[in-house]
Amino acid sequence: MKDFNRFSSEIMCLSLPPITSIIDMDSHIASDSPLNDHWDVQQMMVMTAMKRHSTDTRVEAKRASNWWTNGLLSAMKDQSLVVLKDDLITIIEDKYPKSRHHLLVIPNKNSGMDSVDDLTASDVQLIDHMTLKGKQISQQFDGSVEFRFGFHRIPSLKPLHLHVISQDFDSKYLKTKKHYNSFTTKFFIDSKSNVHLF
């Protein structure tokens, strides 16, 4: 609505005649009339305003997409979400948990590390540390609760993060079949399997 109001204001500032007048002007102005130049300028101003509005909308959409994709970087700084932090990793509560217990283990040094495809043999120790810390955190809950520890094959968020998720899938945020499948199919890779990917 904000964009629409801004766009409407830009159009109103052009002082265009009523639409009926525009139609009449367009069909009755002589080709050599000075009004033609005035009309062309107004048309150009309208088109410029529309183009600027379209560009602004695309830029804002891209900015929102980048914010969402890189949202974990902000979440790592939110002390209300941080559960544990050491030299190598930060563990946070998932803001939109897909189970009763859903945490994310994120490397502190994560530049260029967006998915399992970016891992190399030199990252094995980091993955082991992430998994170990995730398992330690899970032990704070009821011992009867079953957990899985793993990565999405094609994550929607950056950087790389390990899911520590209970297997009840009882959450108001588990809204679609896609959400459920992302944790129960081959799309979800157990952390213990990652050594075979390098």
N, C-alpha and C. Protein backbone atom coordinates (compact mmCIF):
# COMPACT_ATOMS: atom_id res chain seq x y z
N MET A 1 0.83 -1.19 0.00
CA MET A 1 0.00 0.00 0.00
C MET A 1 0.88 1.25 0.00
N LYS A 2 1.99 1.18 0.73
CA LYS A 2 2.91 2.31 0.79
C LYS A 2 3.44 2.66 -0.59
N ASP A 3 3.85 1.63 -1.36
CA ASP A 3 4.36 1.85 -2.72
C ASP A 3 3.28 2.46 -3.60
N PHE A 4 2.03 1.95 -3.45
CA PHE A 4 0.94 2.45 -4.28
C PHE A 4 0.70 3.93 -3.99
N ASN A 5 0.71 4.30 -2.70
CA ASN A 5 0.48 5.70 -2.34
C ASN A 5 1.57 6.60 -2.89
N ARG A 6 2.84 6.12 -2.81
CA ARG A 6 3.94 6.91 -3.33
C ARG A 6 3.79 7.09 -4.84
N PHE A 7 3.44 6.00 -5.52
CA PHE A 7 3.26 6.05 -6.97
C PHE A 7 2.11 7.00 -7.33
N SER A 8 1.00 6.91 -6.57
CA SER A 8 -0.14 7.78 -6.83
C SER A 8 0.24 9.23 -6.65
N SER A 9 1.05 9.51 -5.62
CA SER A 9 1.48 10.89 -5.36
C SER A 9 2.31 11.42 -6.52
N GLU A 10 3.19 10.56 -7.04
CA GLU A 10 4.03 10.98 -8.16
C GLU A 10 3.18 11.33 -9.38
N ILE A 11 2.15 10.52 -9.63
CA ILE A 11 1.27 10.77 -10.78
C ILE A 11 0.48 12.07 -10.55
N MET A 12 -0.02 12.26 -9.32
CA MET A 12 -0.82 13.46 -9.03
C MET A 12 0.00 14.73 -9.19
N CYS A 13 1.29 14.64 -8.88
CA CYS A 13 2.16 15.82 -9.00
C CYS A 13 2.35 16.27 -10.45
N LEU A 14 1.97 15.42 -11.39
CA LEU A 14 2.17 15.76 -12.79
C LEU A 14 1.10 16.72 -13.31
N SER A 15 0.04 16.94 -12.54
CA SER A 15 -1.04 17.86 -12.91
C SER A 15 -1.63 17.52 -14.26
N LEU A 16 -1.95 16.25 -14.44
CA LEU A 16 -2.56 15.83 -15.70
C LEU A 16 -4.02 16.25 -15.74
N PRO A 17 -4.54 16.53 -16.94
CA PRO A 17 -5.96 16.85 -17.06
C PRO A 17 -6.79 15.60 -16.82
N PRO A 18 -8.10 15.74 -16.56
CA PRO A 18 -8.97 14.56 -16.38
C PRO A 18 -8.86 13.64 -17.58
N ILE A 19 -9.17 12.38 -17.37
CA ILE A 19 -9.00 11.37 -18.43
C ILE A 19 -9.85 11.69 -19.65
N THR A 20 -11.04 12.24 -19.44
CA THR A 20 -11.88 12.58 -20.60
C THR A 20 -11.22 13.67 -21.42
N SER A 21 -10.57 14.62 -20.73
CA SER A 21 -9.88 15.69 -21.43
C SER A 21 -8.69 15.15 -22.20
N ILE A 22 -8.02 14.17 -21.60
CA ILE A 22 -6.86 13.59 -22.27
C ILE A 22 -7.28 12.92 -23.58
N ILE A 23 -8.39 12.19 -23.51
CA ILE A 23 -8.87 11.51 -24.72
C ILE A 23 -9.23 12.54 -25.78
N ASP A 24 -9.92 13.61 -25.35
CA ASP A 24 -10.30 14.65 -26.29
C ASP A 24 -9.07 15.33 -26.88
N MET A 25 -8.09 15.61 -25.99
CA MET A 25 -6.87 16.28 -26.46
C MET A 25 -6.16 15.42 -27.48
N ASP A 26 -6.05 14.16 -27.20
CA ASP A 26 -5.29 13.27 -28.06
C ASP A 26 -5.89 13.19 -29.45
N SER A 27 -7.21 13.29 -29.54
CA SER A 27 -7.85 13.12 -30.84
C SER A 27 -8.08 14.44 -31.59
N HIS A 28 -7.96 15.57 -30.87
CA HIS A 28 -8.30 16.83 -31.53
C HIS A 28 -7.14 17.81 -31.67
N ILE A 29 -5.99 17.53 -31.04
CA ILE A 29 -4.88 18.48 -31.12
C ILE A 29 -4.21 18.35 -32.49
N ALA A 30 -3.99 19.46 -33.12
CA ALA A 30 -3.33 19.45 -34.41
C ALA A 30 -1.88 19.04 -34.24
N SER A 31 -1.31 18.41 -35.26
CA SER A 31 0.04 17.87 -35.16
C SER A 31 1.08 18.97 -34.94
N ASP A 32 0.80 20.20 -35.40
CA ASP A 32 1.79 21.27 -35.23
C ASP A 32 1.47 22.16 -34.04
N SER A 33 0.50 21.76 -33.22
CA SER A 33 0.12 22.58 -32.07
C SER A 33 1.16 22.48 -30.97
N PRO A 34 1.45 23.61 -30.26
CA PRO A 34 2.38 23.57 -29.12
C PRO A 34 1.87 22.66 -28.00
N LEU A 35 0.53 22.44 -27.99
CA LEU A 35 -0.03 21.55 -26.97
C LEU A 35 0.50 20.13 -27.13
N ASN A 36 0.86 19.78 -28.37
CA ASN A 36 1.39 18.44 -28.61
C ASN A 36 2.67 18.22 -27.82
N ASP A 37 3.56 19.24 -27.82
CA ASP A 37 4.81 19.13 -27.07
C ASP A 37 4.51 18.97 -25.58
N HIS A 38 3.54 19.76 -25.08
CA HIS A 38 3.16 19.70 -23.68
C HIS A 38 2.64 18.29 -23.35
N TRP A 39 1.82 17.76 -24.23
CA TRP A 39 1.21 16.44 -24.03
C TRP A 39 2.30 15.36 -24.05
N ASP A 40 3.28 15.47 -24.97
CA ASP A 40 4.37 14.49 -25.03
C ASP A 40 5.20 14.51 -23.75
N VAL A 41 5.45 15.71 -23.23
CA VAL A 41 6.23 15.84 -22.00
C VAL A 41 5.49 15.17 -20.85
N GLN A 42 4.17 15.41 -20.77
CA GLN A 42 3.39 14.80 -19.68
C GLN A 42 3.38 13.28 -19.82
N GLN A 43 3.23 12.78 -21.04
CA GLN A 43 3.26 11.33 -21.24
C GLN A 43 4.60 10.76 -20.80
N MET A 44 5.68 11.46 -21.15
CA MET A 44 7.01 11.00 -20.78
C MET A 44 7.19 11.00 -19.26
N MET A 45 6.64 12.01 -18.60
CA MET A 45 6.74 12.08 -17.14
C MET A 45 5.98 10.94 -16.48
N VAL A 46 4.82 10.61 -17.03
CA VAL A 46 4.04 9.48 -16.50
C VAL A 46 4.82 8.18 -16.66
N MET A 47 5.38 7.97 -17.85
CA MET A 47 6.13 6.74 -18.11
C MET A 47 7.35 6.64 -17.21
N THR A 48 8.03 7.78 -16.98
CA THR A 48 9.20 7.80 -16.09
C THR A 48 8.81 7.43 -14.67
N ALA A 49 7.70 8.00 -14.20
CA ALA A 49 7.24 7.69 -12.84
C ALA A 49 6.89 6.22 -12.72
N MET A 50 6.23 5.67 -13.75
CA MET A 50 5.85 4.25 -13.72
C MET A 50 7.09 3.36 -13.73
N LYS A 51 8.07 3.73 -14.53
CA LYS A 51 9.30 2.94 -14.61
C LYS A 51 10.05 2.97 -13.29
N ARG A 52 10.11 4.18 -12.69
CA ARG A 52 10.81 4.32 -11.41
C ARG A 52 10.11 3.49 -10.34
N HIS A 53 8.79 3.49 -10.35
CA HIS A 53 8.02 2.69 -9.39
C HIS A 53 8.31 1.21 -9.58
N SER A 54 8.34 0.76 -10.83
CA SER A 54 8.61 -0.65 -11.12
C SER A 54 10.00 -1.04 -10.65
N THR A 55 11.00 -0.17 -10.91
CA THR A 55 12.38 -0.45 -10.49
C THR A 55 12.48 -0.50 -8.98
N ASP A 56 11.84 0.47 -8.29
CA ASP A 56 11.87 0.50 -6.83
C ASP A 56 11.28 -0.77 -6.24
N THR A 57 10.18 -1.23 -6.85
CA THR A 57 9.52 -2.44 -6.36
C THR A 57 10.43 -3.65 -6.50
N ARG A 58 11.13 -3.75 -7.64
CA ARG A 58 12.05 -4.88 -7.85
C ARG A 58 13.21 -4.83 -6.87
N VAL A 59 13.74 -3.64 -6.63
CA VAL A 59 14.86 -3.48 -5.69
C VAL A 59 14.42 -3.88 -4.29
N GLU A 60 13.23 -3.43 -3.89
CA GLU A 60 12.73 -3.75 -2.55
C GLU A 60 12.48 -5.24 -2.42
N ALA A 61 11.97 -5.88 -3.48
CA ALA A 61 11.73 -7.32 -3.44
C ALA A 61 13.04 -8.09 -3.31
N LYS A 62 14.07 -7.63 -4.03
CA LYS A 62 15.38 -8.28 -3.95
C LYS A 62 15.98 -8.10 -2.56
N ARG A 63 15.83 -6.89 -2.01
CA ARG A 63 16.35 -6.63 -0.66
C ARG A 63 15.66 -7.54 0.36
N ALA A 64 14.34 -7.69 0.22
CA ALA A 64 13.59 -8.55 1.14
C ALA A 64 14.03 -10.00 1.00
N SER A 65 14.26 -10.43 -0.25
CA SER A 65 14.71 -11.80 -0.50
C SER A 65 16.07 -12.05 0.12
N ASN A 66 17.00 -11.09 -0.03
CA ASN A 66 18.33 -11.22 0.55
C ASN A 66 18.26 -11.26 2.07
N TRP A 67 17.37 -10.42 2.63
CA TRP A 67 17.22 -10.40 4.08
C TRP A 67 16.75 -11.76 4.56
N TRP A 68 15.78 -12.33 3.87
CA TRP A 68 15.24 -13.63 4.28
C TRP A 68 16.31 -14.72 4.13
N THR A 69 16.98 -14.76 2.98
CA THR A 69 17.98 -15.81 2.72
C THR A 69 19.10 -15.76 3.74
N ASN A 70 19.52 -14.56 4.12
CA ASN A 70 20.63 -14.39 5.06
C ASN A 70 20.16 -14.11 6.48
N GLY A 71 18.91 -14.44 6.76
CA GLY A 71 18.32 -14.14 8.06
C GLY A 71 19.02 -14.78 9.24
N LEU A 72 19.68 -15.91 9.02
CA LEU A 72 20.36 -16.59 10.12
C LEU A 72 21.51 -15.77 10.68
N LEU A 73 22.14 -14.96 9.85
CA LEU A 73 23.24 -14.13 10.32
C LEU A 73 22.74 -13.13 11.36
N SER A 74 21.54 -12.60 11.15
CA SER A 74 20.94 -11.69 12.13
C SER A 74 20.51 -12.46 13.37
N ALA A 75 19.95 -13.64 13.16
CA ALA A 75 19.46 -14.45 14.27
C ALA A 75 20.60 -14.85 15.20
N MET A 76 21.80 -15.05 14.65
CA MET A 76 22.96 -15.42 15.48
C MET A 76 23.32 -14.32 16.47
N LYS A 77 22.91 -13.08 16.17
CA LYS A 77 23.22 -11.94 17.04
C LYS A 77 22.09 -11.63 18.01
N ASP A 78 20.98 -12.35 17.85
CA ASP A 78 19.82 -12.13 18.71
C ASP A 78 19.96 -12.98 19.96
N GLN A 79 20.31 -12.34 21.07
CA GLN A 79 20.58 -13.08 22.31
C GLN A 79 19.36 -13.83 22.84
N SER A 80 18.18 -13.41 22.44
CA SER A 80 16.98 -14.12 22.89
C SER A 80 16.84 -15.48 22.20
N LEU A 81 17.58 -15.69 21.10
CA LEU A 81 17.52 -16.97 20.38
C LEU A 81 18.73 -17.86 20.66
N VAL A 82 19.83 -17.25 21.09
CA VAL A 82 21.08 -18.00 21.27
C VAL A 82 20.97 -18.92 22.49
N VAL A 83 21.27 -20.20 22.25
CA VAL A 83 21.23 -21.22 23.31
C VAL A 83 22.63 -21.52 23.81
N LEU A 84 23.59 -21.55 22.89
CA LEU A 84 24.97 -21.86 23.24
C LEU A 84 25.89 -21.24 22.19
N LYS A 85 27.05 -20.80 22.65
CA LYS A 85 28.03 -20.24 21.71
C LYS A 85 29.42 -20.60 22.20
N ASP A 86 30.28 -21.07 21.28
CA ASP A 86 31.68 -21.28 21.61
C ASP A 86 32.54 -20.70 20.48
N ASP A 87 33.80 -21.06 20.44
CA ASP A 87 34.69 -20.47 19.44
C ASP A 87 34.32 -20.85 18.01
N LEU A 88 33.69 -22.02 17.84
CA LEU A 88 33.43 -22.53 16.49
C LEU A 88 31.99 -22.37 16.03
N ILE A 89 31.05 -22.48 16.95
CA ILE A 89 29.64 -22.53 16.53
C ILE A 89 28.75 -21.68 17.43
N THR A 90 27.55 -21.39 16.89
CA THR A 90 26.49 -20.77 17.66
C THR A 90 25.24 -21.61 17.47
N ILE A 91 24.57 -21.94 18.57
CA ILE A 91 23.32 -22.70 18.49
C ILE A 91 22.18 -21.77 18.84
N ILE A 92 21.19 -21.71 17.95
CA ILE A 92 20.02 -20.86 18.19
C ILE A 92 18.74 -21.68 18.09
N GLU A 93 17.70 -21.14 18.67
CA GLU A 93 16.37 -21.72 18.48
C GLU A 93 15.86 -21.29 17.11
N ASP A 94 15.26 -22.22 16.40
CA ASP A 94 14.66 -21.87 15.11
C ASP A 94 13.47 -20.95 15.36
N LYS A 95 13.42 -19.81 14.67
CA LYS A 95 12.32 -18.86 14.86
C LYS A 95 10.99 -19.42 14.39
N TYR A 96 11.05 -20.38 13.46
CA TYR A 96 9.83 -21.00 12.93
C TYR A 96 9.98 -22.51 13.04
N PRO A 97 10.00 -23.03 14.28
CA PRO A 97 10.28 -24.46 14.50
C PRO A 97 9.25 -25.37 13.83
N LYS A 98 9.75 -26.46 13.28
CA LYS A 98 8.87 -27.43 12.62
C LYS A 98 8.57 -28.61 13.53
N SER A 99 9.05 -28.55 14.77
CA SER A 99 8.76 -29.54 15.80
C SER A 99 8.75 -28.85 17.15
N ARG A 100 8.43 -29.59 18.19
CA ARG A 100 8.43 -29.00 19.53
C ARG A 100 9.82 -28.50 19.90
N HIS A 101 10.84 -29.24 19.47
CA HIS A 101 12.23 -28.86 19.74
C HIS A 101 12.98 -28.78 18.41
N HIS A 102 13.40 -27.59 18.05
CA HIS A 102 14.06 -27.39 16.74
C HIS A 102 15.12 -26.31 16.92
N LEU A 103 16.37 -26.73 16.86
CA LEU A 103 17.49 -25.79 17.01
C LEU A 103 18.38 -25.85 15.77
N LEU A 104 19.18 -24.82 15.59
CA LEU A 104 20.10 -24.73 14.46
C LEU A 104 21.51 -24.50 14.98
N VAL A 105 22.45 -25.29 14.46
CA VAL A 105 23.86 -25.14 14.82
C VAL A 105 24.56 -24.50 13.63
N ILE A 106 25.15 -23.32 13.84
CA ILE A 106 25.70 -22.53 12.75
C ILE A 106 27.18 -22.25 13.00
N PRO A 107 28.03 -22.51 12.00
CA PRO A 107 29.46 -22.17 12.18
C PRO A 107 29.64 -20.66 12.33
N ASN A 108 30.52 -20.25 13.22
CA ASN A 108 30.79 -18.81 13.38
C ASN A 108 31.52 -18.24 12.17
N LYS A 109 32.44 -19.03 11.62
CA LYS A 109 33.14 -18.63 10.40
C LYS A 109 32.44 -19.33 9.24
N ASN A 110 31.57 -18.60 8.57
CA ASN A 110 30.70 -19.24 7.59
C ASN A 110 30.78 -18.63 6.20
N SER A 111 31.75 -17.77 5.95
CA SER A 111 31.86 -17.14 4.64
C SER A 111 32.08 -18.19 3.55
N GLY A 112 31.22 -18.17 2.54
CA GLY A 112 31.35 -19.12 1.43
C GLY A 112 30.91 -20.53 1.77
N MET A 113 30.29 -20.70 2.94
CA MET A 113 29.84 -22.02 3.36
C MET A 113 28.32 -21.99 3.48
N ASP A 114 27.65 -22.20 2.34
CA ASP A 114 26.20 -22.06 2.31
C ASP A 114 25.44 -23.38 2.34
N SER A 115 26.07 -24.45 1.90
CA SER A 115 25.39 -25.76 1.87
C SER A 115 26.43 -26.87 1.98
N VAL A 116 25.97 -28.11 2.04
CA VAL A 116 26.89 -29.25 2.13
C VAL A 116 27.77 -29.35 0.89
N ASP A 117 27.33 -28.78 -0.21
CA ASP A 117 28.13 -28.81 -1.44
C ASP A 117 29.41 -27.98 -1.30
N ASP A 118 29.43 -27.08 -0.32
CA ASP A 118 30.60 -26.23 -0.12
C ASP A 118 31.62 -26.85 0.84
N LEU A 119 31.27 -27.98 1.43
CA LEU A 119 32.16 -28.62 2.40
C LEU A 119 33.29 -29.38 1.72
N THR A 120 34.43 -29.41 2.40
CA THR A 120 35.58 -30.17 1.92
C THR A 120 36.07 -31.07 3.05
N ALA A 121 37.08 -31.86 2.76
CA ALA A 121 37.63 -32.77 3.77
C ALA A 121 38.13 -32.00 4.99
N SER A 122 38.56 -30.78 4.81
CA SER A 122 39.06 -29.98 5.93
C SER A 122 37.96 -29.56 6.89
N ASP A 123 36.69 -29.75 6.49
CA ASP A 123 35.57 -29.35 7.33
C ASP A 123 35.02 -30.48 8.20
N VAL A 124 35.60 -31.67 8.09
CA VAL A 124 35.09 -32.82 8.83
C VAL A 124 35.06 -32.56 10.33
N GLN A 125 36.13 -31.99 10.85
CA GLN A 125 36.18 -31.72 12.29
C GLN A 125 35.10 -30.73 12.72
N LEU A 126 34.85 -29.73 11.88
CA LEU A 126 33.80 -28.75 12.18
C LEU A 126 32.43 -29.44 12.24
N ILE A 127 32.16 -30.30 11.25
CA ILE A 127 30.87 -31.00 11.21
C ILE A 127 30.73 -31.90 12.43
N ASP A 128 31.83 -32.58 12.81
CA ASP A 128 31.80 -33.43 14.00
C ASP A 128 31.49 -32.59 15.25
N HIS A 129 32.10 -31.41 15.32
CA HIS A 129 31.88 -30.52 16.47
C HIS A 129 30.43 -30.03 16.49
N MET A 130 29.91 -29.66 15.33
CA MET A 130 28.52 -29.20 15.23
C MET A 130 27.57 -30.30 15.71
N THR A 131 27.83 -31.53 15.24
CA THR A 131 26.97 -32.66 15.60
C THR A 131 27.06 -32.96 17.09
N LEU A 132 28.28 -32.97 17.62
CA LEU A 132 28.48 -33.24 19.05
C LEU A 132 27.73 -32.24 19.91
N LYS A 133 27.86 -30.96 19.59
CA LYS A 133 27.19 -29.92 20.37
C LYS A 133 25.67 -30.01 20.23
N GLY A 134 25.22 -30.36 19.03
CA GLY A 134 23.78 -30.54 18.82
C GLY A 134 23.24 -31.68 19.67
N LYS A 135 23.99 -32.77 19.74
CA LYS A 135 23.56 -33.92 20.55
C LYS A 135 23.57 -33.58 22.04
N GLN A 136 24.55 -32.81 22.46
CA GLN A 136 24.61 -32.41 23.86
C GLN A 136 23.41 -31.55 24.24
N ILE A 137 23.05 -30.64 23.36
CA ILE A 137 21.88 -29.78 23.60
C ILE A 137 20.61 -30.62 23.66
N SER A 138 20.49 -31.60 22.77
CA SER A 138 19.27 -32.42 22.72
C SER A 138 19.08 -33.23 24.00
N GLN A 139 20.17 -33.52 24.69
CA GLN A 139 20.09 -34.32 25.92
C GLN A 139 19.50 -33.53 27.09
N GLN A 140 19.34 -32.23 26.90
CA GLN A 140 18.72 -31.41 27.94
C GLN A 140 17.21 -31.61 27.99
N PHE A 141 16.68 -32.22 26.93
CA PHE A 141 15.24 -32.45 26.88
C PHE A 141 14.92 -33.84 27.43
N ASP A 142 13.66 -34.16 27.48
CA ASP A 142 13.19 -35.46 27.95
C ASP A 142 13.89 -36.57 27.16
N GLY A 143 14.46 -37.53 27.87
CA GLY A 143 15.21 -38.60 27.23
C GLY A 143 14.40 -39.46 26.28
N SER A 144 13.08 -39.39 26.40
CA SER A 144 12.23 -40.20 25.51
C SER A 144 12.03 -39.54 24.15
N VAL A 145 12.46 -38.28 24.02
CA VAL A 145 12.28 -37.55 22.76
C VAL A 145 13.36 -37.96 21.76
N GLU A 146 12.94 -38.36 20.58
CA GLU A 146 13.88 -38.76 19.53
C GLU A 146 14.26 -37.55 18.68
N PHE A 147 15.54 -37.44 18.38
CA PHE A 147 16.05 -36.32 17.58
C PHE A 147 16.76 -36.85 16.34
N ARG A 148 16.80 -35.99 15.31
CA ARG A 148 17.68 -36.21 14.17
C ARG A 148 18.57 -34.98 14.03
N PHE A 149 19.74 -35.23 13.45
CA PHE A 149 20.73 -34.16 13.28
C PHE A 149 21.16 -34.18 11.82
N GLY A 150 20.90 -33.09 11.11
CA GLY A 150 21.27 -33.12 9.70
C GLY A 150 21.08 -31.79 8.98
N PHE A 151 21.34 -31.86 7.68
CA PHE A 151 21.33 -30.68 6.80
C PHE A 151 20.30 -30.86 5.69
N HIS A 152 19.76 -29.77 5.23
CA HIS A 152 18.95 -29.81 4.01
C HIS A 152 19.89 -29.85 2.81
N ARG A 153 19.55 -30.70 1.86
CA ARG A 153 20.38 -30.82 0.64
C ARG A 153 20.44 -29.50 -0.11
N ILE A 154 19.29 -28.84 -0.20
CA ILE A 154 19.22 -27.52 -0.83
C ILE A 154 18.56 -26.58 0.18
N PRO A 155 19.37 -25.94 1.01
CA PRO A 155 18.80 -25.09 2.07
C PRO A 155 18.17 -23.81 1.53
N SER A 156 17.15 -23.34 2.22
CA SER A 156 16.51 -22.08 1.83
C SER A 156 17.15 -20.89 2.52
N LEU A 157 17.95 -21.16 3.55
CA LEU A 157 18.61 -20.10 4.31
C LEU A 157 20.12 -20.29 4.30
N LYS A 158 20.83 -19.17 4.37
CA LYS A 158 22.29 -19.19 4.48
C LYS A 158 22.65 -18.61 5.84
N PRO A 159 23.82 -19.02 6.37
CA PRO A 159 24.82 -19.95 5.87
C PRO A 159 24.46 -21.40 6.23
N LEU A 160 25.41 -22.30 6.00
CA LEU A 160 25.25 -23.71 6.35
C LEU A 160 24.81 -23.83 7.81
N HIS A 161 23.84 -24.70 8.07
CA HIS A 161 23.38 -24.91 9.45
C HIS A 161 22.90 -26.34 9.62
N LEU A 162 23.18 -26.86 10.80
CA LEU A 162 22.76 -28.21 11.17
C LEU A 162 21.45 -28.12 11.94
N HIS A 163 20.48 -28.90 11.52
CA HIS A 163 19.20 -28.96 12.24
C HIS A 163 19.28 -29.98 13.36
N VAL A 164 18.83 -29.58 14.52
CA VAL A 164 18.64 -30.48 15.66
C VAL A 164 17.14 -30.48 15.89
N ILE A 165 16.47 -31.54 15.45
CA ILE A 165 15.00 -31.49 15.41
C ILE A 165 14.38 -32.75 15.99
N SER A 166 13.44 -32.55 16.91
CA SER A 166 12.71 -33.69 17.47
C SER A 166 11.76 -34.24 16.41
N GLN A 167 11.45 -35.52 16.55
CA GLN A 167 10.71 -36.19 15.48
C GLN A 167 9.19 -36.21 15.68
N ASP A 168 8.68 -35.33 16.52
CA ASP A 168 7.23 -35.25 16.72
C ASP A 168 6.54 -34.44 15.63
N PHE A 169 7.26 -33.49 15.03
CA PHE A 169 6.71 -32.60 13.99
C PHE A 169 5.37 -32.00 14.42
N ASP A 170 5.37 -31.57 15.67
CA ASP A 170 4.18 -30.96 16.26
C ASP A 170 4.45 -29.46 16.38
N SER A 171 4.01 -28.69 15.39
CA SER A 171 4.27 -27.26 15.39
C SER A 171 3.27 -26.54 14.49
N LYS A 172 2.89 -25.34 14.90
CA LYS A 172 1.99 -24.54 14.08
C LYS A 172 2.67 -24.05 12.81
N TYR A 173 4.02 -24.12 12.79
CA TYR A 173 4.76 -23.67 11.61
C TYR A 173 4.95 -24.78 10.57
N LEU A 174 4.55 -25.99 10.92
CA LEU A 174 4.63 -27.09 9.95
C LEU A 174 3.32 -27.05 9.16
N LYS A 175 3.31 -26.22 8.13
CA LYS A 175 2.05 -25.90 7.45
C LYS A 175 1.83 -26.66 6.14
N THR A 176 2.90 -27.14 5.54
CA THR A 176 2.75 -27.74 4.22
C THR A 176 3.44 -29.11 4.16
N LYS A 177 3.08 -29.86 3.14
CA LYS A 177 3.71 -31.15 2.90
C LYS A 177 5.19 -30.96 2.62
N LYS A 178 5.53 -29.87 1.97
CA LYS A 178 6.93 -29.57 1.65
C LYS A 178 7.76 -29.45 2.93
N HIS A 179 7.19 -28.78 3.95
CA HIS A 179 7.89 -28.66 5.23
C HIS A 179 8.18 -30.04 5.80
N TYR A 180 7.17 -30.88 5.82
CA TYR A 180 7.32 -32.22 6.40
C TYR A 180 8.34 -33.04 5.60
N ASN A 181 8.20 -33.01 4.29
CA ASN A 181 9.11 -33.80 3.43
C ASN A 181 10.56 -33.35 3.54
N SER A 182 10.76 -32.07 3.84
CA SER A 182 12.13 -31.56 3.91
C SER A 182 12.92 -32.18 5.06
N PHE A 183 12.20 -32.81 5.99
CA PHE A 183 12.88 -33.46 7.12
C PHE A 183 12.71 -34.98 7.14
N THR A 184 11.96 -35.51 6.22
CA THR A 184 11.66 -36.95 6.28
C THR A 184 12.02 -37.71 5.00
N THR A 185 12.64 -37.03 4.05
CA THR A 185 13.02 -37.68 2.79
C THR A 185 14.53 -37.52 2.59
N LYS A 186 15.00 -37.92 1.41
CA LYS A 186 16.43 -37.82 1.10
C LYS A 186 16.89 -36.36 1.00
N PHE A 187 15.95 -35.45 1.02
CA PHE A 187 16.28 -34.02 1.02
C PHE A 187 17.02 -33.65 2.30
N PHE A 188 16.80 -34.45 3.36
CA PHE A 188 17.45 -34.22 4.65
C PHE A 188 18.59 -35.22 4.81
N ILE A 189 19.81 -34.70 4.99
CA ILE A 189 21.00 -35.54 5.07
C ILE A 189 21.49 -35.61 6.51
N ASP A 190 21.52 -36.80 7.07
CA ASP A 190 22.03 -36.96 8.43
C ASP A 190 23.48 -36.52 8.49
N SER A 191 23.84 -35.84 9.56
CA SER A 191 25.19 -35.30 9.69
C SER A 191 26.23 -36.40 9.68
N LYS A 192 25.91 -37.57 10.19
CA LYS A 192 26.89 -38.67 10.22
C LYS A 192 27.22 -39.16 8.81
N SER A 193 26.38 -38.81 7.83
CA SER A 193 26.61 -39.25 6.45
C SER A 193 27.52 -38.30 5.69
N ASN A 194 27.77 -37.12 6.24
CA ASN A 194 28.46 -36.09 5.48
C ASN A 194 29.91 -36.43 5.13
N VAL A 195 30.54 -37.28 5.92
CA VAL A 195 31.93 -37.62 5.61
C VAL A 195 32.03 -38.29 4.25
N HIS A 196 30.95 -38.87 3.79
CA HIS A 196 30.97 -39.55 2.49
C HIS A 196 30.76 -38.59 1.32
N LEU A 197 30.47 -37.32 1.64
CA LEU A 197 30.21 -36.34 0.57
C LEU A 197 31.48 -35.66 0.09
N PHE A 198 32.53 -35.73 0.88
CA PHE A 198 33.74 -34.97 0.54
C PHE A 198 34.60 -35.73 -0.47
